[in-house]
Amino acid sequence: MKKKISYCPLSMAGILDSKVRRFFFNPKKILKPYIRKNIVALDFGCGPGVFSIEIAELLEGTGKVISVDMQEGMLNIIKRKIEGKPIEKSIVLHRSTQEKVNITEYLDFVLMFYVVHEVPSKENLFDELLPLVNKDGLLMIVEPKLVSKKEFEKMIDKIMGYGFEKYDKPKITLSRGIVLRKL
């Protein structure tokens, strides 16, 4: 029996990019401590690009952001938002499938914001992406509190098995968050 796909639908894009959500999850405040110039960042499950656009702005024309989503509609929203703006050159839109991300580039920063709980095979995701994180690269995972503390910690322990260590524990409203560093 095929596992039911559960992901945030395109119809939610407006809510994901609302002023209310930005109040609780201020992208600049969340990301600024971790983004350095000249890095390659990946925003996995980027949705309408709220965090991708902020990362690109923090990069100030250096480095790049790979915005990954499995919904073409979400990527089209980002495309419209950045068209003709200086950050357009810094953002690469990439469509994944439910089974594979299909990224081969090495990464300095990976953001997984409110998305890991939607992934049918976390093990496949980690097997594919975590080896691509450069030494001293950062992985930020933020999940809603509906993901139990036990389940979240189990996931973090698994990731640490890929050669990561705990780096920071940002305080994010109604969320469980962690930043890990690749050894």
C-alpha atoms as a PDB file:
ATOM      1  CA  MET A   1       0.000   0.000   0.000  1.00  0.00           C
ATOM      2  CA  LYS A   2       1.368   3.412  -1.030  1.00  0.00           C
ATOM      3  CA  LYS A   3       1.924   5.895   1.795  1.00  0.00           C
ATOM      4  CA  LYS A   4      -0.394   8.907   1.629  1.00  0.00           C
ATOM      5  CA  ILE A   5       1.405  12.085   0.608  1.00  0.00           C
ATOM      6  CA  SER A   6       1.054  14.792   3.234  1.00  0.00           C
ATOM      7  CA  TYR A   7       2.473  18.187   2.399  1.00  0.00           C
ATOM      8  CA  CYS A   8       1.504  21.821   2.570  1.00  0.00           C
ATOM      9  CA  PRO A   9      -0.694  22.489  -0.481  1.00  0.00           C
ATOM     10  CA  LEU A  10      -0.197  25.369  -2.892  1.00  0.00           C
ATOM     11  CA  SER A  11      -3.434  26.895  -1.598  1.00  0.00           C
ATOM     12  CA  MET A  12      -1.564  27.628   1.686  1.00  0.00           C
ATOM     13  CA  ALA A  13       1.123  29.778   0.003  1.00  0.00           C
ATOM     14  CA  GLY A  14      -0.565  33.030   1.062  1.00  0.00           C
ATOM     15  CA  ILE A  15      -0.675  31.959   4.705  1.00  0.00           C
ATOM     16  CA  LEU A  16       2.977  30.868   4.601  1.00  0.00           C
ATOM     17  CA  ASP A  17       3.888  34.357   3.373  1.00  0.00           C
ATOM     18  CA  SER A  18       1.532  36.366   5.598  1.00  0.00           C
ATOM     19  CA  LYS A  19       2.424  39.254   7.921  1.00  0.00           C
ATOM     20  CA  VAL A  20       1.123  37.242  10.879  1.00  0.00           C
ATOM     21  CA  ARG A  21       3.438  34.325  10.105  1.00  0.00           C
ATOM     22  CA  ARG A  22       6.357  36.711   9.551  1.00  0.00           C
ATOM     23  CA  PHE A  23       5.642  38.204  12.983  1.00  0.00           C
ATOM     24  CA  PHE A  24       6.001  34.802  14.663  1.00  0.00           C
ATOM     25  CA  PHE A  25       8.704  33.489  12.310  1.00  0.00           C
ATOM     26  CA  ASN A  26      10.752  36.549  11.361  1.00  0.00           C
ATOM     27  CA  PRO A  27      13.084  35.214   8.637  1.00  0.00           C
ATOM     28  CA  LYS A  28      15.814  37.814   9.172  1.00  0.00           C
ATOM     29  CA  LYS A  29      15.904  37.294  12.950  1.00  0.00           C
ATOM     30  CA  ILE A  30      15.931  33.501  12.571  1.00  0.00           C
ATOM     31  CA  LEU A  31      18.574  33.329   9.825  1.00  0.00           C
ATOM     32  CA  LYS A  32      20.960  36.250  10.381  1.00  0.00           C
ATOM     33  CA  PRO A  33      23.193  34.528  12.988  1.00  0.00           C
ATOM     34  CA  TYR A  34      23.909  31.637  10.598  1.00  0.00           C
ATOM     35  CA  ILE A  35      24.279  33.138   7.119  1.00  0.00           C
ATOM     36  CA  ARG A  36      27.750  34.181   5.958  1.00  0.00           C
ATOM     37  CA  LYS A  37      28.651  35.740   2.629  1.00  0.00           C
ATOM     38  CA  ASN A  38      29.840  33.520  -0.253  1.00  0.00           C
ATOM     39  CA  ILE A  39      28.052  30.373   0.883  1.00  0.00           C
ATOM     40  CA  VAL A  40      25.871  27.894  -0.954  1.00  0.00           C
ATOM     41  CA  ALA A  41      22.618  27.540   0.979  1.00  0.00           C
ATOM     42  CA  LEU A  42      19.742  25.156   0.444  1.00  0.00           C
ATOM     43  CA  ASP A  43      16.177  25.915   1.498  1.00  0.00           C
ATOM     44  CA  PHE A  44      14.518  22.495   1.478  1.00  0.00           C
ATOM     45  CA  GLY A  45      10.733  22.644   1.152  1.00  0.00           C
ATOM     46  CA  CYS A  46      10.992  26.353   0.402  1.00  0.00           C
ATOM     47  CA  GLY A  47       7.294  26.914  -0.281  1.00  0.00           C
ATOM     48  CA  PRO A  48       6.677  30.478  -1.517  1.00  0.00           C
ATOM     49  CA  GLY A  49      10.275  31.475  -0.732  1.00  0.00           C
ATOM     50  CA  VAL A  50      10.018  33.534   2.438  1.00  0.00           C
ATOM     51  CA  PHE A  51      13.282  32.130   3.816  1.00  0.00           C
ATOM     52  CA  SER A  52      14.994  31.739   0.413  1.00  0.00           C
ATOM     53  CA  ILE A  53      14.543  35.428  -0.328  1.00  0.00           C
ATOM     54  CA  GLU A  54      15.834  36.421   3.115  1.00  0.00           C
ATOM     55  CA  ILE A  55      18.920  34.203   2.720  1.00  0.00           C
ATOM     56  CA  ALA A  56      19.611  35.778  -0.700  1.00  0.00           C
ATOM     57  CA  GLU A  57      19.304  39.266   0.796  1.00  0.00           C
ATOM     58  CA  LEU A  58      21.662  38.357   3.650  1.00  0.00           C
ATOM     59  CA  LEU A  59      24.188  37.059   1.090  1.00  0.00           C
ATOM     60  CA  GLU A  60      24.267  40.569  -0.458  1.00  0.00           C
ATOM     61  CA  GLY A  61      25.033  39.336  -3.973  1.00  0.00           C
ATOM     62  CA  THR A  62      27.570  36.717  -2.892  1.00  0.00           C
ATOM     63  CA  GLY A  63      26.973  32.967  -2.871  1.00  0.00           C
ATOM     64  CA  LYS A  64      23.646  31.440  -3.793  1.00  0.00           C
ATOM     65  CA  VAL A  65      20.473  29.849  -2.486  1.00  0.00           C
ATOM     66  CA  ILE A  66      19.044  26.656  -3.942  1.00  0.00           C
ATOM     67  CA  SER A  67      15.298  26.796  -3.315  1.00  0.00           C
ATOM     68  CA  VAL A  68      13.878  23.267  -3.390  1.00  0.00           C
ATOM     69  CA  ASP A  69      10.228  22.316  -3.486  1.00  0.00           C
ATOM     70  CA  MET A  70       8.306  19.470  -5.104  1.00  0.00           C
ATOM     71  CA  GLN A  71       5.484  21.768  -6.151  1.00  0.00           C
ATOM     72  CA  GLU A  72       6.101  23.705  -9.356  1.00  0.00           C
ATOM     73  CA  GLY A  73       3.478  26.227  -8.230  1.00  0.00           C
ATOM     74  CA  MET A  74       5.525  27.204  -5.156  1.00  0.00           C
ATOM     75  CA  LEU A  75       8.625  27.686  -7.297  1.00  0.00           C
ATOM     76  CA  ASN A  76       6.614  29.826  -9.731  1.00  0.00           C
ATOM     77  CA  ILE A  77       5.576  32.089  -6.860  1.00  0.00           C
ATOM     78  CA  ILE A  78       9.234  32.667  -5.984  1.00  0.00           C
ATOM     79  CA  LYS A  79      10.092  33.243  -9.638  1.00  0.00           C
ATOM     80  CA  ARG A  80       7.465  36.004  -9.863  1.00  0.00           C
ATOM     81  CA  LYS A  81       8.642  37.602  -6.594  1.00  0.00           C
ATOM     82  CA  ILE A  82      12.315  37.831  -7.602  1.00  0.00           C
ATOM     83  CA  GLU A  83      11.958  38.595 -11.316  1.00  0.00           C
ATOM     84  CA  GLY A  84      13.998  41.649 -12.237  1.00  0.00           C
ATOM     85  CA  LYS A  85      15.368  42.120  -8.709  1.00  0.00           C
ATOM     86  CA  PRO A  86      19.092  41.912  -7.856  1.00  0.00           C
ATOM     87  CA  ILE A  87      18.528  38.751  -5.759  1.00  0.00           C
ATOM     88  CA  GLU A  88      17.233  36.902  -8.843  1.00  0.00           C
ATOM     89  CA  LYS A  89      20.852  36.017  -9.713  1.00  0.00           C
ATOM     90  CA  SER A  90      21.378  34.507  -6.249  1.00  0.00           C
ATOM     91  CA  ILE A  91      18.412  32.115  -6.220  1.00  0.00           C
ATOM     92  CA  VAL A  92      18.338  28.820  -8.104  1.00  0.00           C
ATOM     93  CA  LEU A  93      14.897  27.207  -8.264  1.00  0.00           C
ATOM     94  CA  HIS A  94      14.931  23.405  -8.141  1.00  0.00           C
ATOM     95  CA  ARG A  95      12.026  21.001  -8.275  1.00  0.00           C
ATOM     96  CA  SER A  96      12.437  17.784  -6.323  1.00  0.00           C
ATOM     97  CA  THR A  97      10.289  14.684  -6.321  1.00  0.00           C
ATOM     98  CA  GLN A  98       8.769  13.051  -3.277  1.00  0.00           C
ATOM     99  CA  GLU A  99      11.516  10.406  -3.417  1.00  0.00           C
ATOM    100  CA  LYS A 100      14.616  12.431  -4.400  1.00  0.00           C
ATOM    101  CA  VAL A 101      15.970  15.930  -3.995  1.00  0.00           C
ATOM    102  CA  ASN A 102      18.449  15.454  -6.891  1.00  0.00           C
ATOM    103  CA  ILE A 103      21.001  17.989  -5.700  1.00  0.00           C
ATOM    104  CA  THR A 104      24.703  17.263  -6.205  1.00  0.00           C
ATOM    105  CA  GLU A 105      26.200  20.580  -5.133  1.00  0.00           C
ATOM    106  CA  TYR A 106      28.082  20.841  -1.857  1.00  0.00           C
ATOM    107  CA  LEU A 107      26.359  23.011   0.734  1.00  0.00           C
ATOM    108  CA  ASP A 108      27.375  25.370   3.531  1.00  0.00           C
ATOM    109  CA  PHE A 109      23.933  25.917   5.031  1.00  0.00           C
ATOM    110  CA  VAL A 110      20.761  23.824   4.872  1.00  0.00           C
ATOM    111  CA  LEU A 111      17.408  25.032   6.149  1.00  0.00           C
ATOM    112  CA  MET A 112      14.552  22.618   6.812  1.00  0.00           C
ATOM    113  CA  PHE A 113      11.792  24.804   8.251  1.00  0.00           C
ATOM    114  CA  TYR A 114       8.543  23.012   9.184  1.00  0.00           C
ATOM    115  CA  VAL A 115       9.116  20.353   6.527  1.00  0.00           C
ATOM    116  CA  VAL A 116      10.890  17.248   7.869  1.00  0.00           C
ATOM    117  CA  HIS A 117       7.692  15.934   9.501  1.00  0.00           C
ATOM    118  CA  GLU A 118       6.094  15.922   6.015  1.00  0.00           C
ATOM    119  CA  VAL A 119       8.835  13.791   4.411  1.00  0.00           C
ATOM    120  CA  PRO A 120       7.774  10.141   3.964  1.00  0.00           C
ATOM    121  CA  SER A 121      11.347   8.791   4.302  1.00  0.00           C
ATOM    122  CA  LYS A 122      13.528  10.920   6.539  1.00  0.00           C
ATOM    123  CA  GLU A 123      16.266   8.321   6.186  1.00  0.00           C
ATOM    124  CA  ASN A 124      16.346   8.722   2.379  1.00  0.00           C
ATOM    125  CA  LEU A 125      16.364  12.508   2.741  1.00  0.00           C
ATOM    126  CA  PHE A 126      19.246  12.433   5.222  1.00  0.00           C
ATOM    127  CA  ASP A 127      21.179   9.833   3.174  1.00  0.00           C
ATOM    128  CA  GLU A 128      20.923  12.091   0.128  1.00  0.00           C
ATOM    129  CA  LEU A 129      21.501  15.561   1.585  1.00  0.00           C
ATOM    130  CA  LEU A 130      23.657  15.275   4.691  1.00  0.00           C
ATOM    131  CA  PRO A 131      26.774  13.968   2.893  1.00  0.00           C
ATOM    132  CA  LEU A 132      26.631  17.134   0.741  1.00  0.00           C
ATOM    133  CA  VAL A 133      27.067  19.449   3.726  1.00  0.00           C
ATOM    134  CA  ASN A 134      30.636  20.783   3.833  1.00  0.00           C
ATOM    135  CA  LYS A 135      32.846  20.565   6.919  1.00  0.00           C
ATOM    136  CA  ASP A 136      31.711  23.287   9.348  1.00  0.00           C
ATOM    137  CA  GLY A 137      28.491  23.642   7.332  1.00  0.00           C
ATOM    138  CA  LEU A 138      25.300  24.247   9.255  1.00  0.00           C
ATOM    139  CA  LEU A 139      21.988  22.393   9.223  1.00  0.00           C
ATOM    140  CA  MET A 140      19.004  24.200  10.741  1.00  0.00           C
ATOM    141  CA  ILE A 141      15.894  22.175  11.464  1.00  0.00           C
ATOM    142  CA  VAL A 142      12.747  23.769  12.840  1.00  0.00           C
ATOM    143  CA  GLU A 143       9.627  21.702  13.424  1.00  0.00           C
ATOM    144  CA  PRO A 144       6.250  22.558  14.946  1.00  0.00           C
ATOM    145  CA  LYS A 145       5.697  21.493  18.540  1.00  0.00           C
ATOM    146  CA  LEU A 146       3.180  18.938  17.244  1.00  0.00           C
ATOM    147  CA  VAL A 147       6.329  16.891  16.567  1.00  0.00           C
ATOM    148  CA  SER A 148       6.971  15.386  19.990  1.00  0.00           C
ATOM    149  CA  LYS A 149      10.150  16.224  21.871  1.00  0.00           C
ATOM    150  CA  LYS A 150      11.044  12.512  21.871  1.00  0.00           C
ATOM    151  CA  GLU A 151      10.559  12.220  18.085  1.00  0.00           C
ATOM    152  CA  PHE A 152      12.559  15.430  17.496  1.00  0.00           C
ATOM    153  CA  GLU A 153      15.445  14.261  19.688  1.00  0.00           C
ATOM    154  CA  LYS A 154      15.450  10.856  17.979  1.00  0.00           C
ATOM    155  CA  MET A 155      15.803  12.631  14.619  1.00  0.00           C
ATOM    156  CA  ILE A 156      18.658  14.801  15.944  1.00  0.00           C
ATOM    157  CA  ASP A 157      20.483  11.709  17.270  1.00  0.00           C
ATOM    158  CA  LYS A 158      20.157  10.108  13.833  1.00  0.00           C
ATOM    159  CA  ILE A 159      21.576  13.219  12.128  1.00  0.00           C
ATOM    160  CA  MET A 160      24.499  13.306  14.550  1.00  0.00           C
ATOM    161  CA  GLY A 161      25.374   9.842  13.239  1.00  0.00           C
ATOM    162  CA  TYR A 162      26.175  11.545   9.912  1.00  0.00           C
ATOM    163  CA  GLY A 163      28.992  13.494  11.554  1.00  0.00           C
ATOM    164  CA  PHE A 164      27.149  16.493  12.973  1.00  0.00           C
ATOM    165  CA  GLU A 165      27.302  18.084  16.421  1.00  0.00           C
ATOM    166  CA  LYS A 166      24.877  20.365  18.215  1.00  0.00           C
ATOM    167  CA  TYR A 167      25.808  23.968  17.492  1.00  0.00           C
ATOM    168  CA  ASP A 168      22.921  26.162  18.653  1.00  0.00           C
ATOM    169  CA  LYS A 169      19.360  25.918  19.891  1.00  0.00           C
ATOM    170  CA  PRO A 170      17.434  28.943  18.611  1.00  0.00           C
ATOM    171  CA  LYS A 171      14.259  29.935  20.412  1.00  0.00           C
ATOM    172  CA  ILE A 172      11.450  30.026  17.848  1.00  0.00           C
ATOM    173  CA  THR A 173       7.809  30.505  18.859  1.00  0.00           C
ATOM    174  CA  LEU A 174       5.701  27.313  19.008  1.00  0.00           C
ATOM    175  CA  SER A 175       8.609  25.324  17.556  1.00  0.00           C
ATOM    176  CA  ARG A 176      11.438  22.935  18.214  1.00  0.00           C
ATOM    177  CA  GLY A 177      14.599  24.150  16.579  1.00  0.00           C
ATOM    178  CA  ILE A 178      18.234  23.194  16.370  1.00  0.00           C
ATOM    179  CA  VAL A 179      21.306  24.120  14.378  1.00  0.00           C
ATOM    180  CA  LEU A 180      23.865  21.369  13.861  1.00  0.00           C
ATOM    181  CA  ARG A 181      27.420  21.742  12.523  1.00  0.00           C
ATOM    182  CA  LYS A 182      29.188  19.212  10.284  1.00  0.00           C
ATOM    183  CA  LEU A 183      32.418  17.925  11.811  1.00  0.00           C
END
